[in-house]
C-alpha atoms as a PDB file:
ATOM      1  CA  MET A   1     143.641 -81.214  56.458  1.00  0.00           C
ATOM      2  CA  ILE A   2     144.415 -77.498  56.386  1.00  0.00           C
ATOM      3  CA  ILE A   3     141.398 -75.171  56.460  1.00  0.00           C
ATOM      4  CA  ARG A   4     142.190 -71.781  54.992  1.00  0.00           C
ATOM      5  CA  ARG A   5     141.205 -68.605  56.804  1.00  0.00           C
ATOM      6  CA  LYS A   6     139.405 -67.392  53.689  1.00  0.00           C
ATOM      7  CA  GLU A   7     137.160 -70.476  53.715  1.00  0.00           C
ATOM      8  CA  ILE A   8     136.267 -69.867  57.388  1.00  0.00           C
ATOM      9  CA  GLU A   9     135.477 -66.225  56.662  1.00  0.00           C
ATOM     10  CA  GLN A  10     133.258 -67.229  53.723  1.00  0.00           C
ATOM     11  CA  LEU A  11     131.464 -69.830  55.834  1.00  0.00           C
ATOM     12  CA  SER A  12     130.942 -67.262  58.593  1.00  0.00           C
ATOM     13  CA  ALA A  13     129.515 -64.786  56.069  1.00  0.00           C
ATOM     14  CA  ASP A  14     127.168 -67.453  54.649  1.00  0.00           C
ATOM     15  CA  ILE A  15     125.961 -68.320  58.154  1.00  0.00           C
ATOM     16  CA  ARG A  16     125.160 -64.658  58.832  1.00  0.00           C
ATOM     17  CA  ARG A  17     123.179 -64.524  55.574  1.00  0.00           C
ATOM     18  CA  ILE A  18     121.236 -67.611  56.631  1.00  0.00           C
ATOM     19  CA  ILE A  19     120.511 -66.005  60.013  1.00  0.00           C
ATOM     20  CA  ASP A  20     119.193 -62.929  58.148  1.00  0.00           C
ATOM     21  CA  GLY A  21     116.704 -65.161  56.381  1.00  0.00           C
ATOM     22  CA  GLN A  22     118.399 -65.458  53.011  1.00  0.00           C
ATOM     23  CA  ALA A  23     118.255 -68.724  51.056  1.00  0.00           C
ATOM     24  CA  VAL A  24     121.859 -69.835  50.854  1.00  0.00           C
ATOM     25  CA  ASP A  25     123.100 -73.271  49.812  1.00  0.00           C
ATOM     26  CA  ILE A  26     126.528 -73.627  51.412  1.00  0.00           C
ATOM     27  CA  ARG A  27     127.096 -77.241  50.422  1.00  0.00           C
ATOM     28  CA  ASP A  28     130.046 -77.887  48.117  1.00  0.00           C
ATOM     29  CA  ASN A  29     129.821 -81.701  47.749  1.00  0.00           C
ATOM     30  CA  LEU A  30     133.523 -82.074  48.444  1.00  0.00           C
ATOM     31  CA  GLU A  31     135.365 -84.321  50.845  1.00  0.00           C
ATOM     32  CA  GLY A  32     136.819 -83.184  54.137  1.00  0.00           C
ATOM     33  CA  ARG A  33     135.704 -81.983  57.534  1.00  0.00           C
ATOM     34  CA  LEU A  34     134.799 -78.499  56.352  1.00  0.00           C
ATOM     35  CA  SER A  35     132.448 -79.910  53.723  1.00  0.00           C
ATOM     36  CA  ILE A  36     130.836 -82.157  56.354  1.00  0.00           C
ATOM     37  CA  LEU A  37     130.388 -79.105  58.570  1.00  0.00           C
ATOM     38  CA  LYS A  38     128.798 -77.176  55.692  1.00  0.00           C
ATOM     39  CA  ASN A  39     126.380 -80.030  55.022  1.00  0.00           C
ATOM     40  CA  ASP A  40     125.427 -80.220  58.719  1.00  0.00           C
ATOM     41  CA  ILE A  41     124.865 -76.456  58.874  1.00  0.00           C
ATOM     42  CA  HIS A  42     122.744 -76.609  55.714  1.00  0.00           C
ATOM     43  CA  ALA A  43     120.644 -79.452  57.170  1.00  0.00           C
ATOM     44  CA  LEU A  44     120.200 -77.500  60.415  1.00  0.00           C
ATOM     45  CA  ALA A  45     119.150 -74.383  58.502  1.00  0.00           C
ATOM     46  CA  ASP A  46     116.600 -76.394  56.493  1.00  0.00           C
ATOM     47  CA  ARG A  47     115.147 -77.847  59.672  1.00  0.00           C
ATOM     48  CA  LEU A  48     114.942 -74.449  61.348  1.00  0.00           C
ATOM     49  CA  ASN A  49     113.282 -72.955  58.253  1.00  0.00           C
ATOM     50  CA  GLU A  50     110.774 -75.800  58.222  1.00  0.00           C
ATOM     51  CA  GLN A  51     109.977 -75.261  61.904  1.00  0.00           C
ATOM     52  CA  ALA A  52     109.632 -71.526  61.314  1.00  0.00           C
ATOM     53  CA  GLY A  53     107.249 -72.235  58.433  1.00  0.00           C
ATOM     54  CA  ASN A  54     105.171 -74.584  60.564  1.00  0.00           C
ATOM     55  CA  LEU A  55     105.018 -72.008  63.355  1.00  0.00           C
ATOM     56  CA  GLN A  56     103.830 -69.371  60.896  1.00  0.00           C
ATOM     57  CA  LYS A  57     101.137 -71.738  59.606  1.00  0.00           C
ATOM     58  CA  GLU A  58     100.023 -72.384  63.189  1.00  0.00           C
ATOM     59  CA  LYS A  59      99.924 -68.640  63.884  1.00  0.00           C
ATOM     60  CA  ASN A  60      97.843 -68.072  60.749  1.00  0.00           C
ATOM     61  CA  ALA A  61      95.521 -70.925  61.685  1.00  0.00           C
ATOM     62  CA  LEU A  62      95.158 -69.515  65.206  1.00  0.00           C
ATOM     63  CA  ALA A  63      94.370 -66.075  63.811  1.00  0.00           C
ATOM     64  CA  ASP A  64      91.728 -67.576  61.509  1.00  0.00           C
ATOM     65  CA  THR A  65      90.249 -69.581  64.383  1.00  0.00           C
ATOM     66  CA  LEU A  66      90.079 -66.525  66.640  1.00  0.00           C
ATOM     67  CA  ALA A  67      88.369 -64.589  63.843  1.00  0.00           C
ATOM     68  CA  ASP A  68      85.861 -67.431  63.445  1.00  0.00           C
ATOM     69  CA  ILE A  69      85.257 -67.567  67.197  1.00  0.00           C
ATOM     70  CA  SER A  70      84.739 -63.802  67.296  1.00  0.00           C
ATOM     71  CA  HIS A  71      82.206 -64.032  64.482  1.00  0.00           C
ATOM     72  CA  GLN A  72      80.401 -66.987  66.029  1.00  0.00           C
ATOM     73  CA  LEU A  73      80.135 -65.249  69.404  1.00  0.00           C
ATOM     74  CA  LYS A  74      79.113 -61.922  67.902  1.00  0.00           C
ATOM     75  CA  THR A  75      76.004 -63.300  66.212  1.00  0.00           C
ATOM     76  CA  PRO A  76      74.189 -64.743  69.276  1.00  0.00           C
ATOM     77  CA  LEU A  77      75.403 -61.980  71.601  1.00  0.00           C
ATOM     78  CA  THR A  78      74.104 -59.294  69.242  1.00  0.00           C
ATOM     79  CA  ALA A  79      70.755 -61.070  69.095  1.00  0.00           C
ATOM     80  CA  VAL A  80      70.661 -61.248  72.895  1.00  0.00           C
ATOM     81  CA  MET A  81      71.364 -57.519  73.210  1.00  0.00           C
ATOM     82  CA  VAL A  82      68.594 -56.699  70.725  1.00  0.00           C
ATOM     83  CA  MET A  83      66.114 -58.926  72.562  1.00  0.00           C
ATOM     84  CA  VAL A  84      67.011 -57.335  75.909  1.00  0.00           C
ATOM     85  CA  GLU A  85      66.377 -53.862  74.491  1.00  0.00           C
ATOM     86  CA  LEU A  86      63.054 -54.938  72.987  1.00  0.00           C
ATOM     87  CA  LEU A  87      62.050 -56.696  76.203  1.00  0.00           C
ATOM     88  CA  GLU A  88      62.288 -53.478  78.209  1.00  0.00           C
ATOM     89  CA  ASP A  89      59.271 -51.932  76.447  1.00  0.00           C
ATOM     90  CA  ALA A  90      57.581 -55.087  75.187  1.00  0.00           C
ATOM     91  CA  PRO A  91      53.868 -55.667  75.821  1.00  0.00           C
ATOM     92  CA  PRO A  92      53.037 -58.792  77.842  1.00  0.00           C
ATOM     93  CA  GLU A  93      52.023 -60.796  74.766  1.00  0.00           C
ATOM     94  CA  LYS A  94      55.456 -60.190  73.180  1.00  0.00           C
ATOM     95  CA  ALA A  95      57.551 -60.617  76.319  1.00  0.00           C
ATOM     96  CA  SER A  96      57.233 -64.414  76.264  1.00  0.00           C
ATOM     97  CA  GLU A  97      58.443 -64.551  72.623  1.00  0.00           C
ATOM     98  CA  PHE A  98      61.469 -62.360  73.382  1.00  0.00           C
ATOM     99  CA  ILE A  99      62.372 -64.445  76.430  1.00  0.00           C
ATOM    100  CA  THR A 100      62.311 -67.581  74.259  1.00  0.00           C
ATOM    101  CA  HIS A 101      64.712 -65.939  71.804  1.00  0.00           C
ATOM    102  CA  LEU A 102      66.932 -64.885  74.701  1.00  0.00           C
ATOM    103  CA  LYS A 103      67.110 -68.470  75.944  1.00  0.00           C
ATOM    104  CA  GLN A 104      68.032 -69.676  72.469  1.00  0.00           C
ATOM    105  CA  GLY A 105      70.774 -67.069  72.092  1.00  0.00           C
ATOM    106  CA  LEU A 106      72.282 -67.753  75.498  1.00  0.00           C
ATOM    107  CA  THR A 107      72.082 -71.504  74.947  1.00  0.00           C
ATOM    108  CA  GLN A 108      73.881 -71.203  71.589  1.00  0.00           C
ATOM    109  CA  THR A 109      76.624 -69.062  73.143  1.00  0.00           C
ATOM    110  CA  GLY A 110      77.079 -71.527  75.997  1.00  0.00           C
ATOM    111  CA  TRP A 111      77.291 -74.434  73.558  1.00  0.00           C
ATOM    112  CA  LEU A 112      79.932 -72.696  71.511  1.00  0.00           C
ATOM    113  CA  VAL A 113      82.158 -71.840  74.475  1.00  0.00           C
ATOM    114  CA  ASN A 114      81.894 -75.329  75.994  1.00  0.00           C
ATOM    115  CA  SER A 115      82.535 -77.018  72.646  1.00  0.00           C
ATOM    116  CA  LEU A 116      85.615 -74.900  72.006  1.00  0.00           C
ATOM    117  CA  LEU A 117      87.040 -75.782  75.402  1.00  0.00           C
ATOM    118  CA  LYS A 118      86.434 -79.482  74.817  1.00  0.00           C
ATOM    119  CA  ILE A 119      87.877 -79.574  71.318  1.00  0.00           C
ATOM    120  CA  ALA A 120      90.930 -77.671  72.591  1.00  0.00           C
ATOM    121  CA  LYS A 121      91.481 -80.452  75.152  1.00  0.00           C
ATOM    122  CA  LEU A 122      91.236 -83.060  72.399  1.00  0.00           C
ATOM    123  CA  ASP A 123      93.645 -81.135  70.171  1.00  0.00           C
ATOM    124  CA  SER A 124      96.185 -80.857  72.971  1.00  0.00           C
ATOM    125  CA  GLY A 125      96.139 -84.622  73.568  1.00  0.00           C
ATOM    126  CA  SER A 126      95.266 -84.137  77.233  1.00  0.00           C
ATOM    127  CA  VAL A 127      92.135 -86.310  77.088  1.00  0.00           C
ATOM    128  CA  VAL A 128      92.443 -89.848  78.441  1.00  0.00           C
ATOM    129  CA  PHE A 129      89.477 -91.985  77.389  1.00  0.00           C
ATOM    130  CA  SER A 130      88.212 -94.478  79.980  1.00  0.00           C
ATOM    131  CA  PRO A 131      86.178 -97.158  78.181  1.00  0.00           C
ATOM    132  CA  VAL A 132      83.322 -98.889  79.977  1.00  0.00           C
ATOM    133  CA  SER A 133      80.407-100.978  78.755  1.00  0.00           C
ATOM    134  CA  ILE A 134      77.215 -98.956  78.338  1.00  0.00           C
ATOM    135  CA  SER A 135      73.904 -99.618  76.601  1.00  0.00           C
ATOM    136  CA  ALA A 136      72.509 -97.447  73.831  1.00  0.00           C
ATOM    137  CA  SER A 137      69.550 -96.431  76.010  1.00  0.00           C
ATOM    138  CA  SER A 138      71.796 -95.383  78.896  1.00  0.00           C
ATOM    139  CA  LEU A 139      74.084 -93.465  76.547  1.00  0.00           C
ATOM    140  CA  LEU A 140      71.080 -91.725  75.024  1.00  0.00           C
ATOM    141  CA  ASN A 141      69.778 -90.703  78.455  1.00  0.00           C
ATOM    142  CA  LEU A 142      73.132 -89.075  79.216  1.00  0.00           C
ATOM    143  CA  ALA A 143      73.190 -87.326  75.861  1.00  0.00           C
ATOM    144  CA  LEU A 144      69.677 -85.909  76.230  1.00  0.00           C
ATOM    145  CA  GLN A 145      70.225 -84.230  79.596  1.00  0.00           C
ATOM    146  CA  PRO A 146      71.739 -80.998  78.180  1.00  0.00           C
ATOM    147  CA  LEU A 147      69.130 -80.894  75.392  1.00  0.00           C
ATOM    148  CA  GLN A 148      65.886 -80.799  77.332  1.00  0.00           C
ATOM    149  CA  ILE A 149      65.386 -77.031  77.024  1.00  0.00           C
ATOM    150  CA  LEU A 150      66.145 -77.047  73.293  1.00  0.00           C
ATOM    151  CA  LEU A 151      63.798 -79.971  72.640  1.00  0.00           C
ATOM    152  CA  ASP A 152      61.053 -78.435  74.803  1.00  0.00           C
ATOM    153  CA  ILE A 153      61.294 -75.101  72.976  1.00  0.00           C
ATOM    154  CA  LYS A 154      60.759 -76.869  69.638  1.00  0.00           C
ATOM    155  CA  SER A 155      58.287 -79.447  71.048  1.00  0.00           C
ATOM    156  CA  GLN A 156      60.444 -82.261  69.644  1.00  0.00           C
ATOM    157  CA  GLN A 157      60.696 -85.864  70.777  1.00  0.00           C
ATOM    158  CA  VAL A 158      63.446 -88.480  70.495  1.00  0.00           C
ATOM    159  CA  ASN A 159      62.574 -92.099  69.723  1.00  0.00           C
ATOM    160  CA  LEU A 160      65.026 -95.017  70.191  1.00  0.00           C
ATOM    161  CA  THR A 161      64.691 -98.225  68.184  1.00  0.00           C
ATOM    162  CA  GLY A 162      66.893-101.240  68.881  1.00  0.00           C
ATOM    163  CA  GLU A 163      69.575-101.763  71.519  1.00  0.00           C
ATOM    164  CA  ALA A 164      73.318-102.367  71.630  1.00  0.00           C
ATOM    165  CA  GLU A 165      76.243-102.331  74.045  1.00  0.00           C
ATOM    166  CA  PHE A 166      79.192-100.027  73.459  1.00  0.00           C
ATOM    167  CA  LEU A 167      82.682-100.163  74.945  1.00  0.00           C
ATOM    168  CA  CYS A 168      83.546 -96.480  75.132  1.00  0.00           C
ATOM    169  CA  ASP A 169      84.153 -93.513  77.391  1.00  0.00           C
ATOM    170  CA  LYS A 170      80.537 -92.870  78.332  1.00  0.00           C
ATOM    171  CA  ASN A 171      80.876 -89.164  79.093  1.00  0.00           C
ATOM    172  CA  TRP A 172      82.829 -88.207  75.993  1.00  0.00           C
ATOM    173  CA  THR A 173      80.688 -90.424  73.758  1.00  0.00           C
ATOM    174  CA  ALA A 174      77.547 -88.899  75.259  1.00  0.00           C
ATOM    175  CA  GLU A 175      79.051 -85.508  74.374  1.00  0.00           C
ATOM    176  CA  ALA A 176      79.457 -86.635  70.751  1.00  0.00           C
ATOM    177  CA  LEU A 177      75.888 -87.964  70.654  1.00  0.00           C
ATOM    178  CA  THR A 178      74.558 -84.763  72.244  1.00  0.00           C
ATOM    179  CA  ASN A 179      76.103 -82.685  69.484  1.00  0.00           C
ATOM    180  CA  ILE A 180      74.666 -84.931  66.782  1.00  0.00           C
ATOM    181  CA  ILE A 181      71.161 -84.836  68.280  1.00  0.00           C
ATOM    182  CA  LYS A 182      71.463 -81.056  68.689  1.00  0.00           C
ATOM    183  CA  ASN A 183      72.354 -80.801  65.004  1.00  0.00           C
ATOM    184  CA  ALA A 184      69.327 -82.968  64.150  1.00  0.00           C
ATOM    185  CA  SER A 185      67.073 -80.762  66.290  1.00  0.00           C
ATOM    186  CA  GLU A 186      68.314 -77.588  64.581  1.00  0.00           C
ATOM    187  CA  HIS A 187      67.537 -79.058  61.154  1.00  0.00           C
ATOM    188  CA  SER A 188      64.136 -80.516  62.067  1.00  0.00           C
ATOM    189  CA  PRO A 189      60.819 -78.620  62.247  1.00  0.00           C
ATOM    190  CA  GLU A 190      58.950 -77.967  65.472  1.00  0.00           C
ATOM    191  CA  GLY A 191      56.876 -80.868  66.762  1.00  0.00           C
ATOM    192  CA  SER A 192      58.913 -83.476  64.874  1.00  0.00           C
ATOM    193  CA  ILE A 193      60.434 -86.754  66.072  1.00  0.00           C
ATOM    194  CA  ILE A 194      64.172 -87.415  65.900  1.00  0.00           C
ATOM    195  CA  GLU A 195      64.733 -91.108  65.240  1.00  0.00           C
ATOM    196  CA  ILE A 196      67.588 -92.940  67.007  1.00  0.00           C
ATOM    197  CA  SER A 197      68.451 -96.537  66.156  1.00  0.00           C
ATOM    198  CA  ALA A 198      71.078 -98.896  67.526  1.00  0.00           C
ATOM    199  CA  GLY A 199      72.421-102.255  66.492  1.00  0.00           C
ATOM    200  CA  VAL A 200      75.350-104.632  66.138  1.00  0.00           C
ATOM    201  CA  ASN A 201      76.874-106.371  63.137  1.00  0.00           C
ATOM    202  CA  PRO A 202      79.985-108.578  62.828  1.00  0.00           C
ATOM    203  CA  LEU A 203      82.233-105.526  62.382  1.00  0.00           C
ATOM    204  CA  THR A 204      80.714-102.739  64.465  1.00  0.00           C
ATOM    205  CA  SER A 205      78.238-101.674  67.075  1.00  0.00           C
ATOM    206  CA  TRP A 206      76.481 -98.533  65.902  1.00  0.00           C
ATOM    207  CA  LEU A 207      74.102 -95.768  66.880  1.00  0.00           C
ATOM    208  CA  SER A 208      72.435 -93.578  64.258  1.00  0.00           C
ATOM    209  CA  VAL A 209      70.517 -90.304  64.452  1.00  0.00           C
ATOM    210  CA  THR A 210      68.063 -89.306  61.704  1.00  0.00           C
ATOM    211  CA  ASP A 211      66.611 -85.808  61.513  1.00  0.00           C
ATOM    212  CA  ASN A 212      63.472 -84.555  59.767  1.00  0.00           C
ATOM    213  CA  GLY A 213      65.188 -82.012  57.574  1.00  0.00           C
ATOM    214  CA  LYS A 214      65.464 -81.752  53.800  1.00  0.00           C
ATOM    215  CA  GLY A 215      68.648 -83.778  53.611  1.00  0.00           C
ATOM    216  CA  ILE A 216      72.226 -82.730  52.901  1.00  0.00           C
ATOM    217  CA  SER A 217      73.842 -82.444  49.489  1.00  0.00           C
ATOM    218  CA  THR A 218      77.177 -84.075  48.718  1.00  0.00           C
ATOM    219  CA  ALA A 219      78.821 -80.645  48.566  1.00  0.00           C
ATOM    220  CA  GLU A 220      77.474 -79.749  52.012  1.00  0.00           C
ATOM    221  CA  ILE A 221      78.618 -83.052  53.534  1.00  0.00           C
ATOM    222  CA  LYS A 222      82.227 -82.198  52.617  1.00  0.00           C
ATOM    223  CA  SER A 223      82.113 -79.079  54.815  1.00  0.00           C
ATOM    224  CA  LEU A 224      80.219 -80.551  57.784  1.00  0.00           C
ATOM    225  CA  PHE A 225      83.312 -81.616  59.708  1.00  0.00           C
ATOM    226  CA  ARG A 226      85.362 -78.512  58.924  1.00  0.00           C
ATOM    227  CA  ARG A 227      85.312 -76.253  61.967  1.00  0.00           C
ATOM    228  CA  PHE A 228      82.895 -73.381  61.500  1.00  0.00           C
ATOM    229  CA  GLY A 229      82.154 -74.807  58.084  1.00  0.00           C
ATOM    230  CA  GLY A 230      78.589 -76.046  58.607  1.00  0.00           C
ATOM    231  CA  SER A 231      75.279 -74.315  58.066  1.00  0.00           C
ATOM    232  CA  GLN A 232      74.324 -71.054  59.710  1.00  0.00           C
ATOM    233  CA  GLN A 233      71.834 -72.807  61.988  1.00  0.00           C
ATOM    234  CA  GLY A 234      74.503 -74.103  64.373  1.00  0.00           C
ATOM    235  CA  THR A 235      77.869 -73.055  65.713  1.00  0.00           C
ATOM    236  CA  GLY A 236      79.871 -75.064  63.177  1.00  0.00           C
ATOM    237  CA  ILE A 237      81.870 -76.809  65.900  1.00  0.00           C
ATOM    238  CA  GLY A 238      79.587 -79.553  67.239  1.00  0.00           C
ATOM    239  CA  LEU A 239      80.045 -82.076  64.435  1.00  0.00           C
ATOM    240  CA  PRO A 240      83.848 -81.649  64.229  1.00  0.00           C
ATOM    241  CA  LEU A 241      83.918 -82.171  68.017  1.00  0.00           C
ATOM    242  CA  ALA A 242      81.827 -85.340  67.717  1.00  0.00           C
ATOM    243  CA  LEU A 243      84.100 -86.707  64.981  1.00  0.00           C
ATOM    244  CA  ALA A 244      87.226 -85.924  67.026  1.00  0.00           C
ATOM    245  CA  ILE A 245      85.755 -87.808  69.996  1.00  0.00           C
ATOM    246  CA  MET A 246      84.986 -90.849  67.845  1.00  0.00           C
ATOM    247  CA  HIS A 247      88.431 -90.872  66.232  1.00  0.00           C
ATOM    248  CA  GLY A 248      89.994 -90.547  69.685  1.00  0.00           C
ATOM    249  CA  GLN A 249      88.363 -93.887  70.583  1.00  0.00           C
ATOM    250  CA  ASN A 250      89.236 -95.662  67.315  1.00  0.00           C
ATOM    251  CA  GLY A 251      85.670 -95.165  66.166  1.00  0.00           C
ATOM    252  CA  ASP A 252      84.214 -93.347  63.194  1.00  0.00           C
ATOM    253  CA  MET A 253      81.188 -91.437  61.959  1.00  0.00           C
ATOM    254  CA  GLU A 254      79.299 -91.861  58.699  1.00  0.00           C
ATOM    255  CA  VAL A 255      76.782 -89.526  57.057  1.00  0.00           C
ATOM    256  CA  ASP A 256      73.876 -90.412  54.791  1.00  0.00           C
ATOM    257  CA  GLY A 257      72.690 -87.145  53.289  1.00  0.00           C
ATOM    258  CA  GLY A 258      69.141 -88.362  52.674  1.00  0.00           C
ATOM    259  CA  GLY A 259      67.055 -86.034  50.509  1.00  0.00           C
ATOM    260  CA  ASN A 260      63.872 -86.606  48.476  1.00  0.00           C
ATOM    261  CA  GLY A 261      61.784 -86.327  51.597  1.00  0.00           C
ATOM    262  CA  GLN A 262      64.284 -88.119  53.843  1.00  0.00           C
ATOM    263  CA  GLY A 263      66.323 -86.474  56.572  1.00  0.00           C
ATOM    264  CA  ALA A 264      70.063 -86.904  57.031  1.00  0.00           C
ATOM    265  CA  THR A 265      71.431 -89.753  59.151  1.00  0.00           C
ATOM    266  CA  PHE A 266      74.600 -89.575  61.250  1.00  0.00           C
ATOM    267  CA  THR A 267      75.967 -92.905  62.484  1.00  0.00           C
ATOM    268  CA  LEU A 268      78.464 -93.442  65.297  1.00  0.00           C
ATOM    269  CA  LYS A 269      80.445 -96.635  64.713  1.00  0.00           C
ATOM    270  CA  PHE A 270      82.561 -98.620  67.173  1.00  0.00           C
ATOM    271  CA  TYR A 271      84.636-101.377  65.653  1.00  0.00           C
ATOM    272  CA  SER A 272      84.702-104.845  67.184  1.00  0.00           C
ATOM    273  CA  ASP A 273      88.052-106.168  68.458  1.00  0.00           C
END
């Protein structure tokens, strides 16, 4: 087959236009090696354009995430700075109140930073889960360790009913449970009891956390697991982190919004083999 110089020059010009970002369809649907080459170049250009589009989406998503992180950090840090300034000239009876607010602000900032680091590890696929058998009571004890200050500040208690054994990565699952209990604490009044229950059925072993809040509407439930999409009381990252941990272990999480005097219930579910 003879390939004319003019055809090569036209193909070269089309390739340069593609490189410049122009949408050019160089296919001619004819037979011959040149047509095959045109089809291959067109397919390559489509793939490169798709990759470029995906990269741009990732860049936009990263920019949005960084903006969210900046906003989330700004709120508690601004509160901390205000409390520090007030504390300098505060009378003794007010100093204790300001110190409590400082602890809350610093705790919230620490939670946010740690949660972001952990969810980044999950997103990157660098987490290797190591399942072991652990009881609900033991898992709860692990989960409560980082929450003692928060629960003490609000004079809240946690009550466990029932027992079950879970085959899971105890540290990561405790992290998920910690975030759920923290969410329950933030939505429950001072002096309240957060109810934890555990059990087993033919399909799953489960652990549920019920708060003493006003419940969650259906519209609110849809945004709970969108990063930075929750209420203003928390960081907006804890529940998405908990869900990612459960999905990483072939588990799941369900939400009962409650309402009418009932708090919301979050249930961790591990499926039986």
